[in-house]
Amino acid sequence: MKKVIYPKIGGPDSIQIIEEKLDNPGKNQVKVRVHRAGINFADLMMRQGLYGSNPDFPFTPGYEVSGEIIELGDDENRLEIGQRVIAMTGFGGYSEEVIVESNRVVPIPDNISFDQAAAMPVTYGTAYHMLVHLGGLKEGDTVLVHHAAGGVGTAAAQICKAYGAGLIIGTASESKKEFVESLGMRFVNRDKEDFVEVCKNMTGGKGVHQAIDPVAGKHLTRSYDALRNGGKLHCFGASSAVPNEKRSLIAAFKMWRNTPKFDPMKMMNSNKSVFGVHMGRMEDEEIFSNHLADLGELMKQGKINPIIDSVWRFEKVADAQRHIHNRKNKGKVLLDFSPN
């Protein structure tokens, strides 16, 4: 089988594709023939050596895949060969075949495509975990969504609408204005408008109930300022450390230096909350399985439908990652590992 590896810290051109024989699945494991693998911004940070929670180089990235089970390990009686599934791989998803623990595999119905399935776990799982599980999203809430045209941003917009949020404010570049507005968000030009001022003005000076921020650095301080009393800030990325495809230790240093240190005693005065979210490090499988079940039900009801920006053959993985580096994607970017 073929798989993608990061041999060392580098740009997209450093990515390699190698041949490797995969072992048989062990006890309570399954082998999945991958059809689609999701690309996440974290994958780009890992390649640049700026993520902090990836394996040692060389390694294969990829948190999530969709495909079909081709082999069962010992004592596996819940799943079946030929079953279409989503699998949370943790790492290693950029591969034609993966072996995963069976409790990290969820069957998908026939009416959900491999594209839709691979776009769900990280983006929709992250948005749901932040807004609904942690944030208690309810009808009429106001929400600030940064990187509103990205995978998590588009997922957040759909989840907000499904739960009846009253106002969704989405920041993005000017070129994505029409797209962001088509998702039902009040567009904010991140380069020309002050999103804190917009949030205050549109909520009678109070601020928003929730804000999701994948930028980090001093941007987190501004998102915190955009909250109302009792508001919740969700931190789930650090895109400001990776301004483009070339590794910049200066940008990474600025991000870490400018990331605020929230004082719980001061936070008490405003009743604000700050959450850090990393679904790839989620250890409670039951919570994640419940999220997927709830999201699957919302999809059946037609309330959410993953927006796929593009699907690239895995041999073009470097180009796919450049597409994200250049902030061109509108929705989820996937790799195609399906048999020719």
C-alpha atoms as a PDB file:
ATOM      1  CA  MET A   1       0.000   0.000   0.000  1.00  0.00           C
ATOM      2  CA  LYS A   2       1.013   3.656  -0.434  1.00  0.00           C
ATOM      3  CA  LYS A   3       1.046   6.325   2.211  1.00  0.00           C
ATOM      4  CA  VAL A   4       2.132   9.919   2.659  1.00  0.00           C
ATOM      5  CA  ILE A   5       4.938  10.762   5.063  1.00  0.00           C
ATOM      6  CA  TYR A   6       6.545  13.862   6.466  1.00  0.00           C
ATOM      7  CA  PRO A   7      10.231  12.840   6.463  1.00  0.00           C
ATOM      8  CA  LYS A   8      11.408  16.048   8.159  1.00  0.00           C
ATOM      9  CA  ILE A   9      10.418  19.622   8.910  1.00  0.00           C
ATOM     10  CA  GLY A  10       9.824  21.444   5.665  1.00  0.00           C
ATOM     11  CA  GLY A  11       7.498  22.942   3.078  1.00  0.00           C
ATOM     12  CA  PRO A  12       5.003  21.100   0.879  1.00  0.00           C
ATOM     13  CA  ASP A  13       7.816  19.934  -1.406  1.00  0.00           C
ATOM     14  CA  SER A  14       9.280  17.908   1.458  1.00  0.00           C
ATOM     15  CA  ILE A  15       6.263  15.556   1.494  1.00  0.00           C
ATOM     16  CA  GLN A  16       6.951  12.029   0.236  1.00  0.00           C
ATOM     17  CA  ILE A  17       4.835   9.045  -0.798  1.00  0.00           C
ATOM     18  CA  ILE A  18       6.196   5.610   0.037  1.00  0.00           C
ATOM     19  CA  GLU A  19       5.216   1.947  -0.277  1.00  0.00           C
ATOM     20  CA  GLU A  20       4.760  -0.062   2.920  1.00  0.00           C
ATOM     21  CA  LYS A  21       3.235  -3.382   3.897  1.00  0.00           C
ATOM     22  CA  LEU A  22       0.641  -3.104   6.639  1.00  0.00           C
ATOM     23  CA  ASP A  23       0.345  -5.762   9.350  1.00  0.00           C
ATOM     24  CA  ASN A  24      -2.865  -7.584  10.179  1.00  0.00           C
ATOM     25  CA  PRO A  25      -5.203  -5.920  12.699  1.00  0.00           C
ATOM     26  CA  GLY A  26      -4.815  -7.020  16.307  1.00  0.00           C
ATOM     27  CA  LYS A  27      -7.358  -7.664  19.000  1.00  0.00           C
ATOM     28  CA  ASN A  28     -10.303  -5.237  18.856  1.00  0.00           C
ATOM     29  CA  GLN A  29      -8.871  -3.592  15.765  1.00  0.00           C
ATOM     30  CA  VAL A  30      -9.971  -3.329  12.141  1.00  0.00           C
ATOM     31  CA  LYS A  31      -8.229  -2.586   8.860  1.00  0.00           C
ATOM     32  CA  VAL A  32      -9.894   0.070   6.714  1.00  0.00           C
ATOM     33  CA  ARG A  33      -9.385   0.613   2.983  1.00  0.00           C
ATOM     34  CA  VAL A  34      -9.329   4.405   2.847  1.00  0.00           C
ATOM     35  CA  HIS A  35     -11.371   6.281   0.245  1.00  0.00           C
ATOM     36  CA  ARG A  36     -11.073   9.810   1.632  1.00  0.00           C
ATOM     37  CA  ALA A  37      -8.791  11.451   4.196  1.00  0.00           C
ATOM     38  CA  GLY A  38      -9.451  14.883   5.641  1.00  0.00           C
ATOM     39  CA  ILE A  39      -6.829  17.631   5.603  1.00  0.00           C
ATOM     40  CA  ASN A  40      -6.793  19.910   8.635  1.00  0.00           C
ATOM     41  CA  PHE A  41      -4.757  23.049   9.286  1.00  0.00           C
ATOM     42  CA  ALA A  42      -3.029  21.186  12.100  1.00  0.00           C
ATOM     43  CA  ASP A  43      -1.469  18.916   9.456  1.00  0.00           C
ATOM     44  CA  LEU A  44       0.256  21.937   7.926  1.00  0.00           C
ATOM     45  CA  MET A  45       1.545  23.076  11.310  1.00  0.00           C
ATOM     46  CA  MET A  46       2.909  19.592  12.012  1.00  0.00           C
ATOM     47  CA  ARG A  47       4.881  19.575   8.785  1.00  0.00           C
ATOM     48  CA  GLN A  48       6.482  22.853   9.793  1.00  0.00           C
ATOM     49  CA  GLY A  49       7.352  21.461  13.211  1.00  0.00           C
ATOM     50  CA  LEU A  50       5.124  23.981  14.971  1.00  0.00           C
ATOM     51  CA  TYR A  51       2.342  21.830  16.390  1.00  0.00           C
ATOM     52  CA  GLY A  52       3.866  20.242  19.453  1.00  0.00           C
ATOM     53  CA  SER A  53       1.737  17.097  19.709  1.00  0.00           C
ATOM     54  CA  ASN A  54       2.680  15.065  16.648  1.00  0.00           C
ATOM     55  CA  PRO A  55       4.895  11.952  16.526  1.00  0.00           C
ATOM     56  CA  ASP A  56       8.604  12.203  15.847  1.00  0.00           C
ATOM     57  CA  PHE A  57       9.624  12.597  12.214  1.00  0.00           C
ATOM     58  CA  PRO A  58       9.175  10.724   9.927  1.00  0.00           C
ATOM     59  CA  PHE A  59       5.444  10.136  10.365  1.00  0.00           C
ATOM     60  CA  THR A  60       2.165  10.017   8.463  1.00  0.00           C
ATOM     61  CA  PRO A  61      -0.388  12.739   9.288  1.00  0.00           C
ATOM     62  CA  GLY A  62      -4.165  12.469   9.077  1.00  0.00           C
ATOM     63  CA  TYR A  63      -6.742  12.479  11.872  1.00  0.00           C
ATOM     64  CA  GLU A  64      -9.793  11.197   9.986  1.00  0.00           C
ATOM     65  CA  VAL A  65     -10.719   8.931   7.110  1.00  0.00           C
ATOM     66  CA  SER A  66     -13.738   7.367   5.462  1.00  0.00           C
ATOM     67  CA  GLY A  67     -13.612   3.993   3.757  1.00  0.00           C
ATOM     68  CA  GLU A  68     -14.621   0.381   4.100  1.00  0.00           C
ATOM     69  CA  ILE A  69     -13.531  -2.372   6.452  1.00  0.00           C
ATOM     70  CA  ILE A  70     -11.407  -5.028   4.725  1.00  0.00           C
ATOM     71  CA  GLU A  71     -10.190  -7.058   7.708  1.00  0.00           C
ATOM     72  CA  LEU A  72     -11.249  -7.709  11.297  1.00  0.00           C
ATOM     73  CA  GLY A  73      -9.005  -8.359  14.263  1.00  0.00           C
ATOM     74  CA  ASP A  74      -9.623 -10.954  16.947  1.00  0.00           C
ATOM     75  CA  ASP A  75     -12.695 -10.513  19.156  1.00  0.00           C
ATOM     76  CA  GLU A  76     -14.239  -7.906  16.869  1.00  0.00           C
ATOM     77  CA  ASN A  77     -17.944  -8.703  16.532  1.00  0.00           C
ATOM     78  CA  ARG A  78     -19.567  -5.262  16.271  1.00  0.00           C
ATOM     79  CA  LEU A  79     -18.311  -4.411  12.794  1.00  0.00           C
ATOM     80  CA  GLU A  80     -18.325  -6.327   9.507  1.00  0.00           C
ATOM     81  CA  ILE A  81     -16.088  -6.671   6.474  1.00  0.00           C
ATOM     82  CA  GLY A  82     -17.338  -4.416   3.683  1.00  0.00           C
ATOM     83  CA  GLN A  83     -18.981  -1.986   6.087  1.00  0.00           C
ATOM     84  CA  ARG A  84     -18.652   1.710   5.186  1.00  0.00           C
ATOM     85  CA  VAL A  85     -17.188   3.643   8.102  1.00  0.00           C
ATOM     86  CA  ILE A  86     -15.645   6.781   9.498  1.00  0.00           C
ATOM     87  CA  ALA A  87     -12.417   6.158  11.396  1.00  0.00           C
ATOM     88  CA  MET A  88     -10.594   8.516  13.747  1.00  0.00           C
ATOM     89  CA  THR A  89      -6.968   7.583  13.187  1.00  0.00           C
ATOM     90  CA  GLY A  90      -5.255  10.103  15.444  1.00  0.00           C
ATOM     91  CA  PHE A  91      -2.346  10.031  13.023  1.00  0.00           C
ATOM     92  CA  GLY A  92      -1.667   7.971   9.909  1.00  0.00           C
ATOM     93  CA  GLY A  93      -4.821   8.772   7.937  1.00  0.00           C
ATOM     94  CA  TYR A  94      -2.995   9.854   4.759  1.00  0.00           C
ATOM     95  CA  SER A  95      -2.741   6.240   3.644  1.00  0.00           C
ATOM     96  CA  GLU A  96      -4.434   3.705   1.365  1.00  0.00           C
ATOM     97  CA  GLU A  97      -5.007   1.433   4.374  1.00  0.00           C
ATOM     98  CA  VAL A  98      -5.124   2.058   8.114  1.00  0.00           C
ATOM     99  CA  ILE A  99      -5.464  -0.083  11.223  1.00  0.00           C
ATOM    100  CA  VAL A 100      -7.522   1.492  13.991  1.00  0.00           C
ATOM    101  CA  GLU A 101      -9.072   0.518  17.287  1.00  0.00           C
ATOM    102  CA  SER A 102     -12.641  -0.594  16.656  1.00  0.00           C
ATOM    103  CA  ASN A 103     -14.019   1.856  19.236  1.00  0.00           C
ATOM    104  CA  ARG A 104     -12.755   4.674  17.024  1.00  0.00           C
ATOM    105  CA  VAL A 105     -14.764   3.447  14.048  1.00  0.00           C
ATOM    106  CA  VAL A 106     -18.357   4.500  13.317  1.00  0.00           C
ATOM    107  CA  PRO A 107     -20.513   2.956  10.554  1.00  0.00           C
ATOM    108  CA  ILE A 108     -22.022   5.363   8.023  1.00  0.00           C
ATOM    109  CA  PRO A 109     -25.341   4.866   6.218  1.00  0.00           C
ATOM    110  CA  ASP A 110     -25.444   4.297   2.476  1.00  0.00           C
ATOM    111  CA  ASN A 111     -26.973   7.715   1.798  1.00  0.00           C
ATOM    112  CA  ILE A 112     -23.894   9.517   3.182  1.00  0.00           C
ATOM    113  CA  SER A 113     -21.006   9.757   0.718  1.00  0.00           C
ATOM    114  CA  PHE A 114     -17.366   9.115   1.558  1.00  0.00           C
ATOM    115  CA  ASP A 115     -16.774  12.830   0.975  1.00  0.00           C
ATOM    116  CA  GLN A 116     -19.420  13.851   3.497  1.00  0.00           C
ATOM    117  CA  ALA A 117     -18.238  11.258   6.006  1.00  0.00           C
ATOM    118  CA  ALA A 118     -14.578  12.306   5.892  1.00  0.00           C
ATOM    119  CA  ALA A 119     -15.559  15.959   6.297  1.00  0.00           C
ATOM    120  CA  MET A 120     -17.486  15.310   9.517  1.00  0.00           C
ATOM    121  CA  PRO A 121     -15.260  14.139  12.401  1.00  0.00           C
ATOM    122  CA  VAL A 122     -12.760  16.936  12.956  1.00  0.00           C
ATOM    123  CA  THR A 123     -14.547  19.982  11.518  1.00  0.00           C
ATOM    124  CA  TYR A 124     -18.115  19.255  12.603  1.00  0.00           C
ATOM    125  CA  GLY A 125     -16.964  17.378  15.694  1.00  0.00           C
ATOM    126  CA  THR A 126     -14.894  20.375  16.784  1.00  0.00           C
ATOM    127  CA  ALA A 127     -17.629  22.921  16.064  1.00  0.00           C
ATOM    128  CA  TYR A 128     -20.268  20.805  17.829  1.00  0.00           C
ATOM    129  CA  HIS A 129     -18.038  20.135  20.836  1.00  0.00           C
ATOM    130  CA  MET A 130     -17.325  23.852  21.269  1.00  0.00           C
ATOM    131  CA  LEU A 131     -20.706  25.380  20.574  1.00  0.00           C
ATOM    132  CA  VAL A 132     -23.120  22.721  21.833  1.00  0.00           C
ATOM    133  CA  HIS A 133     -21.300  20.440  24.294  1.00  0.00           C
ATOM    134  CA  LEU A 134     -19.223  23.122  26.019  1.00  0.00           C
ATOM    135  CA  GLY A 135     -21.104  26.266  25.044  1.00  0.00           C
ATOM    136  CA  GLY A 136     -24.690  25.117  25.504  1.00  0.00           C
ATOM    137  CA  LEU A 137     -25.763  26.793  22.254  1.00  0.00           C
ATOM    138  CA  LYS A 138     -29.438  27.724  22.289  1.00  0.00           C
ATOM    139  CA  GLU A 139     -31.996  29.583  20.255  1.00  0.00           C
ATOM    140  CA  GLY A 140     -31.280  33.297  19.915  1.00  0.00           C
ATOM    141  CA  ASP A 141     -27.600  33.120  20.900  1.00  0.00           C
ATOM    142  CA  THR A 142     -25.066  35.346  19.163  1.00  0.00           C
ATOM    143  CA  VAL A 143     -21.855  33.746  17.895  1.00  0.00           C
ATOM    144  CA  LEU A 144     -18.579  35.063  16.465  1.00  0.00           C
ATOM    145  CA  VAL A 145     -16.900  32.697  13.982  1.00  0.00           C
ATOM    146  CA  HIS A 146     -13.347  33.365  12.794  1.00  0.00           C
ATOM    147  CA  HIS A 147     -12.047  31.823   9.547  1.00  0.00           C
ATOM    148  CA  ALA A 148     -15.714  31.614   8.663  1.00  0.00           C
ATOM    149  CA  ALA A 149     -15.099  30.150   5.202  1.00  0.00           C
ATOM    150  CA  GLY A 150     -12.924  27.261   6.429  1.00  0.00           C
ATOM    151  CA  GLY A 151     -13.911  23.739   7.392  1.00  0.00           C
ATOM    152  CA  VAL A 152     -14.746  24.444  11.045  1.00  0.00           C
ATOM    153  CA  GLY A 153     -16.181  27.851  10.181  1.00  0.00           C
ATOM    154  CA  THR A 154     -18.693  26.476   7.686  1.00  0.00           C
ATOM    155  CA  ALA A 155     -19.583  23.666  10.092  1.00  0.00           C
ATOM    156  CA  ALA A 156     -20.130  26.181  12.888  1.00  0.00           C
ATOM    157  CA  ALA A 157     -22.435  28.267  10.706  1.00  0.00           C
ATOM    158  CA  GLN A 158     -24.629  25.278   9.897  1.00  0.00           C
ATOM    159  CA  ILE A 159     -24.738  24.088  13.506  1.00  0.00           C
ATOM    160  CA  CYS A 160     -25.650  27.594  14.696  1.00  0.00           C
ATOM    161  CA  LYS A 161     -28.521  27.751  12.233  1.00  0.00           C
ATOM    162  CA  ALA A 162     -29.671  24.239  13.192  1.00  0.00           C
ATOM    163  CA  TYR A 163     -29.917  25.359  16.827  1.00  0.00           C
ATOM    164  CA  GLY A 164     -31.626  28.650  15.998  1.00  0.00           C
ATOM    165  CA  ALA A 165     -28.818  31.071  16.787  1.00  0.00           C
ATOM    166  CA  GLY A 166     -29.972  34.650  16.389  1.00  0.00           C
ATOM    167  CA  LEU A 167     -26.862  36.309  14.940  1.00  0.00           C
ATOM    168  CA  ILE A 168     -23.755  34.707  13.463  1.00  0.00           C
ATOM    169  CA  ILE A 169     -20.847  37.041  12.744  1.00  0.00           C
ATOM    170  CA  GLY A 170     -18.172  35.580  10.451  1.00  0.00           C
ATOM    171  CA  THR A 171     -14.731  37.015   9.723  1.00  0.00           C
ATOM    172  CA  ALA A 172     -12.858  36.269   6.491  1.00  0.00           C
ATOM    173  CA  SER A 173     -10.998  37.961   3.635  1.00  0.00           C
ATOM    174  CA  GLU A 174     -12.879  40.202   1.220  1.00  0.00           C
ATOM    175  CA  SER A 175     -12.741  37.581  -1.556  1.00  0.00           C
ATOM    176  CA  LYS A 176     -14.935  35.271   0.552  1.00  0.00           C
ATOM    177  CA  LYS A 177     -17.617  37.825   1.422  1.00  0.00           C
ATOM    178  CA  GLU A 178     -20.333  36.410  -0.846  1.00  0.00           C
ATOM    179  CA  PHE A 179     -19.627  32.849   0.287  1.00  0.00           C
ATOM    180  CA  VAL A 180     -19.746  33.725   3.994  1.00  0.00           C
ATOM    181  CA  GLU A 181     -22.995  35.643   3.557  1.00  0.00           C
ATOM    182  CA  SER A 182     -24.518  32.695   1.681  1.00  0.00           C
ATOM    183  CA  LEU A 183     -24.080  30.693   4.900  1.00  0.00           C
ATOM    184  CA  GLY A 184     -26.261  33.154   6.803  1.00  0.00           C
ATOM    185  CA  MET A 185     -23.480  35.041   8.537  1.00  0.00           C
ATOM    186  CA  ARG A 186     -22.939  38.775   8.900  1.00  0.00           C
ATOM    187  CA  PHE A 187     -19.617  39.123   7.039  1.00  0.00           C
ATOM    188  CA  VAL A 188     -16.753  41.043   8.637  1.00  0.00           C
ATOM    189  CA  ASN A 189     -13.728  41.934   6.509  1.00  0.00           C
ATOM    190  CA  ARG A 190     -10.926  40.793   8.782  1.00  0.00           C
ATOM    191  CA  ASP A 191      -8.438  43.180   7.118  1.00  0.00           C
ATOM    192  CA  LYS A 192     -10.533  46.355   7.268  1.00  0.00           C
ATOM    193  CA  GLU A 193     -13.157  46.037  10.009  1.00  0.00           C
ATOM    194  CA  ASP A 194     -12.852  45.841  13.786  1.00  0.00           C
ATOM    195  CA  PHE A 195     -14.770  42.670  14.638  1.00  0.00           C
ATOM    196  CA  VAL A 196     -14.989  43.633  18.322  1.00  0.00           C
ATOM    197  CA  GLU A 197     -16.718  46.872  17.392  1.00  0.00           C
ATOM    198  CA  VAL A 198     -19.073  45.047  15.034  1.00  0.00           C
ATOM    199  CA  CYS A 199     -19.972  42.510  17.741  1.00  0.00           C
ATOM    200  CA  LYS A 200     -20.684  45.244  20.280  1.00  0.00           C
ATOM    201  CA  ASN A 201     -22.653  47.399  17.862  1.00  0.00           C
ATOM    202  CA  MET A 202     -24.852  44.514  16.720  1.00  0.00           C
ATOM    203  CA  THR A 203     -25.647  43.345  20.256  1.00  0.00           C
ATOM    204  CA  GLY A 204     -26.544  46.657  21.860  1.00  0.00           C
ATOM    205  CA  GLY A 205     -23.099  46.969  23.419  1.00  0.00           C
ATOM    206  CA  LYS A 206     -23.268  43.619  25.202  1.00  0.00           C
ATOM    207  CA  GLY A 207     -21.091  41.400  22.999  1.00  0.00           C
ATOM    208  CA  VAL A 208     -21.596  37.846  21.738  1.00  0.00           C
ATOM    209  CA  HIS A 209     -22.488  34.730  23.705  1.00  0.00           C
ATOM    210  CA  GLN A 210     -19.756  32.616  22.113  1.00  0.00           C
ATOM    211  CA  ALA A 211     -16.653  33.104  19.964  1.00  0.00           C
ATOM    212  CA  ILE A 212     -14.548  30.438  18.249  1.00  0.00           C
ATOM    213  CA  ASP A 213     -10.938  31.384  17.488  1.00  0.00           C
ATOM    214  CA  PRO A 214      -8.383  29.344  15.503  1.00  0.00           C
ATOM    215  CA  VAL A 215      -5.912  32.231  15.182  1.00  0.00           C
ATOM    216  CA  ALA A 216      -4.360  32.536  18.689  1.00  0.00           C
ATOM    217  CA  GLY A 217      -1.823  35.173  19.703  1.00  0.00           C
ATOM    218  CA  LYS A 218      -3.170  38.653  20.427  1.00  0.00           C
ATOM    219  CA  HIS A 219      -6.211  37.762  18.330  1.00  0.00           C
ATOM    220  CA  LEU A 220      -7.488  35.747  21.325  1.00  0.00           C
ATOM    221  CA  THR A 221      -7.504  38.891  23.440  1.00  0.00           C
ATOM    222  CA  ARG A 222      -9.698  40.637  20.884  1.00  0.00           C
ATOM    223  CA  SER A 223     -12.080  37.665  20.708  1.00  0.00           C
ATOM    224  CA  TYR A 224     -12.311  37.691  24.512  1.00  0.00           C
ATOM    225  CA  ASP A 225     -13.153  41.410  24.377  1.00  0.00           C
ATOM    226  CA  ALA A 226     -15.977  40.638  21.925  1.00  0.00           C
ATOM    227  CA  LEU A 227     -17.778  38.489  24.524  1.00  0.00           C
ATOM    228  CA  ARG A 228     -20.614  39.631  26.725  1.00  0.00           C
ATOM    229  CA  ASN A 229     -20.779  39.038  30.449  1.00  0.00           C
ATOM    230  CA  GLY A 230     -21.064  35.256  30.780  1.00  0.00           C
ATOM    231  CA  GLY A 231     -19.690  34.664  27.273  1.00  0.00           C
ATOM    232  CA  LYS A 232     -17.515  31.728  26.215  1.00  0.00           C
ATOM    233  CA  LEU A 233     -14.325  31.777  24.129  1.00  0.00           C
ATOM    234  CA  HIS A 234     -13.171  28.584  22.388  1.00  0.00           C
ATOM    235  CA  CYS A 235      -9.544  28.308  21.263  1.00  0.00           C
ATOM    236  CA  PHE A 236      -8.898  25.556  18.718  1.00  0.00           C
ATOM    237  CA  GLY A 237      -5.885  26.497  16.631  1.00  0.00           C
ATOM    238  CA  ALA A 238      -2.942  28.816  16.042  1.00  0.00           C
ATOM    239  CA  SER A 239      -3.054  29.808  12.379  1.00  0.00           C
ATOM    240  CA  SER A 240      -1.167  33.054  13.048  1.00  0.00           C
ATOM    241  CA  ALA A 241       1.955  30.925  13.575  1.00  0.00           C
ATOM    242  CA  VAL A 242       1.737  29.746   9.941  1.00  0.00           C
ATOM    243  CA  PRO A 243       1.187  32.789   7.700  1.00  0.00           C
ATOM    244  CA  ASN A 244       2.245  30.899   4.553  1.00  0.00           C
ATOM    245  CA  GLU A 245       3.878  27.675   3.352  1.00  0.00           C
ATOM    246  CA  LYS A 246       7.358  28.783   4.448  1.00  0.00           C
ATOM    247  CA  ARG A 247       8.210  28.031   8.064  1.00  0.00           C
ATOM    248  CA  SER A 248       8.562  31.229  10.083  1.00  0.00           C
ATOM    249  CA  LEU A 249       9.957  30.911  13.591  1.00  0.00           C
ATOM    250  CA  ILE A 250       9.432  34.658  13.980  1.00  0.00           C
ATOM    251  CA  ALA A 251       5.693  34.314  13.331  1.00  0.00           C
ATOM    252  CA  ALA A 252       5.498  31.340  15.692  1.00  0.00           C
ATOM    253  CA  PHE A 253       7.390  33.241  18.402  1.00  0.00           C
ATOM    254  CA  LYS A 254       5.112  36.274  18.033  1.00  0.00           C
ATOM    255  CA  MET A 255       2.060  34.055  18.332  1.00  0.00           C
ATOM    256  CA  TRP A 256       3.267  32.408  21.546  1.00  0.00           C
ATOM    257  CA  ARG A 257       4.533  35.698  23.015  1.00  0.00           C
ATOM    258  CA  ASN A 258       1.247  37.472  22.332  1.00  0.00           C
ATOM    259  CA  THR A 259      -1.074  34.680  23.448  1.00  0.00           C
ATOM    260  CA  PRO A 260      -2.828  36.015  26.574  1.00  0.00           C
ATOM    261  CA  LYS A 261      -2.533  34.447  29.998  1.00  0.00           C
ATOM    262  CA  PHE A 262      -6.057  34.612  31.310  1.00  0.00           C
ATOM    263  CA  ASP A 263      -6.370  35.415  34.996  1.00  0.00           C
ATOM    264  CA  PRO A 264      -9.184  33.360  36.602  1.00  0.00           C
ATOM    265  CA  MET A 265      -9.636  35.949  39.349  1.00  0.00           C
ATOM    266  CA  LYS A 266     -10.212  38.713  36.804  1.00  0.00           C
ATOM    267  CA  MET A 267     -12.410  36.457  34.709  1.00  0.00           C
ATOM    268  CA  MET A 268     -14.724  36.032  37.687  1.00  0.00           C
ATOM    269  CA  ASN A 269     -15.764  39.658  37.422  1.00  0.00           C
ATOM    270  CA  SER A 270     -17.189  39.143  33.938  1.00  0.00           C
ATOM    271  CA  ASN A 271     -18.188  35.478  34.279  1.00  0.00           C
ATOM    272  CA  LYS A 272     -16.394  34.741  31.013  1.00  0.00           C
ATOM    273  CA  SER A 273     -15.033  31.287  30.191  1.00  0.00           C
ATOM    274  CA  VAL A 274     -12.127  30.146  28.007  1.00  0.00           C
ATOM    275  CA  PHE A 275     -11.931  26.610  26.580  1.00  0.00           C
ATOM    276  CA  GLY A 276      -9.080  24.907  24.745  1.00  0.00           C
ATOM    277  CA  VAL A 277     -10.281  22.304  22.229  1.00  0.00           C
ATOM    278  CA  HIS A 278      -8.274  19.644  20.367  1.00  0.00           C
ATOM    279  CA  MET A 279     -10.477  16.797  19.124  1.00  0.00           C
ATOM    280  CA  GLY A 280      -7.435  14.777  18.076  1.00  0.00           C
ATOM    281  CA  ARG A 281      -6.488  14.510  21.757  1.00  0.00           C
ATOM    282  CA  MET A 282      -9.968  13.669  22.988  1.00  0.00           C
ATOM    283  CA  GLU A 283      -9.660  10.587  25.207  1.00  0.00           C
ATOM    284  CA  ASP A 284     -13.338  10.031  26.013  1.00  0.00           C
ATOM    285  CA  GLU A 285     -14.544   7.936  23.068  1.00  0.00           C
ATOM    286  CA  GLU A 286     -18.133   8.021  24.318  1.00  0.00           C
ATOM    287  CA  ILE A 287     -18.313  11.813  24.088  1.00  0.00           C
ATOM    288  CA  PHE A 288     -17.018  11.778  20.531  1.00  0.00           C
ATOM    289  CA  SER A 289     -19.331   8.924  19.493  1.00  0.00           C
ATOM    290  CA  ASN A 290     -22.295  10.841  20.900  1.00  0.00           C
ATOM    291  CA  HIS A 291     -21.233  13.915  18.935  1.00  0.00           C
ATOM    292  CA  LEU A 292     -21.130  11.921  15.696  1.00  0.00           C
ATOM    293  CA  ALA A 293     -24.513  10.371  16.444  1.00  0.00           C
ATOM    294  CA  ASP A 294     -26.067  13.797  17.035  1.00  0.00           C
ATOM    295  CA  LEU A 295     -24.440  15.201  13.915  1.00  0.00           C
ATOM    296  CA  GLY A 296     -25.620  12.238  11.884  1.00  0.00           C
ATOM    297  CA  GLU A 297     -29.174  12.911  13.015  1.00  0.00           C
ATOM    298  CA  LEU A 298     -28.873  16.579  12.031  1.00  0.00           C
ATOM    299  CA  MET A 299     -27.655  15.480   8.616  1.00  0.00           C
ATOM    300  CA  LYS A 300     -30.593  13.099   8.200  1.00  0.00           C
ATOM    301  CA  GLN A 301     -32.915  15.999   9.013  1.00  0.00           C
ATOM    302  CA  GLY A 302     -31.226  18.101   6.330  1.00  0.00           C
ATOM    303  CA  LYS A 303     -30.043  20.687   8.859  1.00  0.00           C
ATOM    304  CA  ILE A 304     -26.332  20.227   8.109  1.00  0.00           C
ATOM    305  CA  ASN A 305     -24.474  19.138   5.003  1.00  0.00           C
ATOM    306  CA  PRO A 306     -20.656  19.279   4.866  1.00  0.00           C
ATOM    307  CA  ILE A 307     -19.334  21.804   2.372  1.00  0.00           C
ATOM    308  CA  ILE A 308     -16.547  20.213   0.350  1.00  0.00           C
ATOM    309  CA  ASP A 309     -14.132  22.725  -1.139  1.00  0.00           C
ATOM    310  CA  SER A 310     -12.159  20.217  -3.206  1.00  0.00           C
ATOM    311  CA  VAL A 311     -10.966  16.614  -3.453  1.00  0.00           C
ATOM    312  CA  TRP A 312      -7.372  15.941  -4.545  1.00  0.00           C
ATOM    313  CA  ARG A 313      -5.765  12.628  -5.491  1.00  0.00           C
ATOM    314  CA  PHE A 314      -3.294  11.828  -2.755  1.00  0.00           C
ATOM    315  CA  GLU A 315      -0.379  12.124  -5.178  1.00  0.00           C
ATOM    316  CA  LYS A 316      -1.239  15.865  -5.276  1.00  0.00           C
ATOM    317  CA  VAL A 317      -1.114  16.269  -1.500  1.00  0.00           C
ATOM    318  CA  ALA A 318       1.492  19.052  -1.699  1.00  0.00           C
ATOM    319  CA  ASP A 319      -0.752  21.090  -4.001  1.00  0.00           C
ATOM    320  CA  ALA A 320      -3.739  20.459  -1.738  1.00  0.00           C
ATOM    321  CA  GLN A 321      -1.847  21.783   1.264  1.00  0.00           C
ATOM    322  CA  ARG A 322      -0.645  24.828  -0.696  1.00  0.00           C
ATOM    323  CA  HIS A 323      -4.295  25.507  -1.510  1.00  0.00           C
ATOM    324  CA  ILE A 324      -4.979  25.750   2.236  1.00  0.00           C
ATOM    325  CA  HIS A 325      -1.769  27.675   2.972  1.00  0.00           C
ATOM    326  CA  ASN A 326      -2.906  30.297   0.466  1.00  0.00           C
ATOM    327  CA  ARG A 327      -6.289  30.564   2.264  1.00  0.00           C
ATOM    328  CA  LYS A 328      -8.154  29.632  -0.914  1.00  0.00           C
ATOM    329  CA  ASN A 329     -10.397  26.915   0.490  1.00  0.00           C
ATOM    330  CA  LYS A 330     -14.101  27.404   1.151  1.00  0.00           C
ATOM    331  CA  GLY A 331     -15.056  24.413   3.260  1.00  0.00           C
ATOM    332  CA  LYS A 332     -13.269  21.095   3.689  1.00  0.00           C
ATOM    333  CA  VAL A 333     -10.337  19.841   1.610  1.00  0.00           C
ATOM    334  CA  LEU A 334     -10.012  16.065   1.155  1.00  0.00           C
ATOM    335  CA  LEU A 335      -7.507  13.574  -0.235  1.00  0.00           C
ATOM    336  CA  ASP A 336      -8.726  10.786  -2.518  1.00  0.00           C
ATOM    337  CA  PHE A 337      -7.186   7.389  -1.726  1.00  0.00           C
ATOM    338  CA  SER A 338      -9.885   5.317  -3.424  1.00  0.00           C
ATOM    339  CA  PRO A 339      -8.824   2.449  -5.732  1.00  0.00           C
ATOM    340  CA  ASN A 340      -8.368   3.571  -9.347  1.00  0.00           C
END
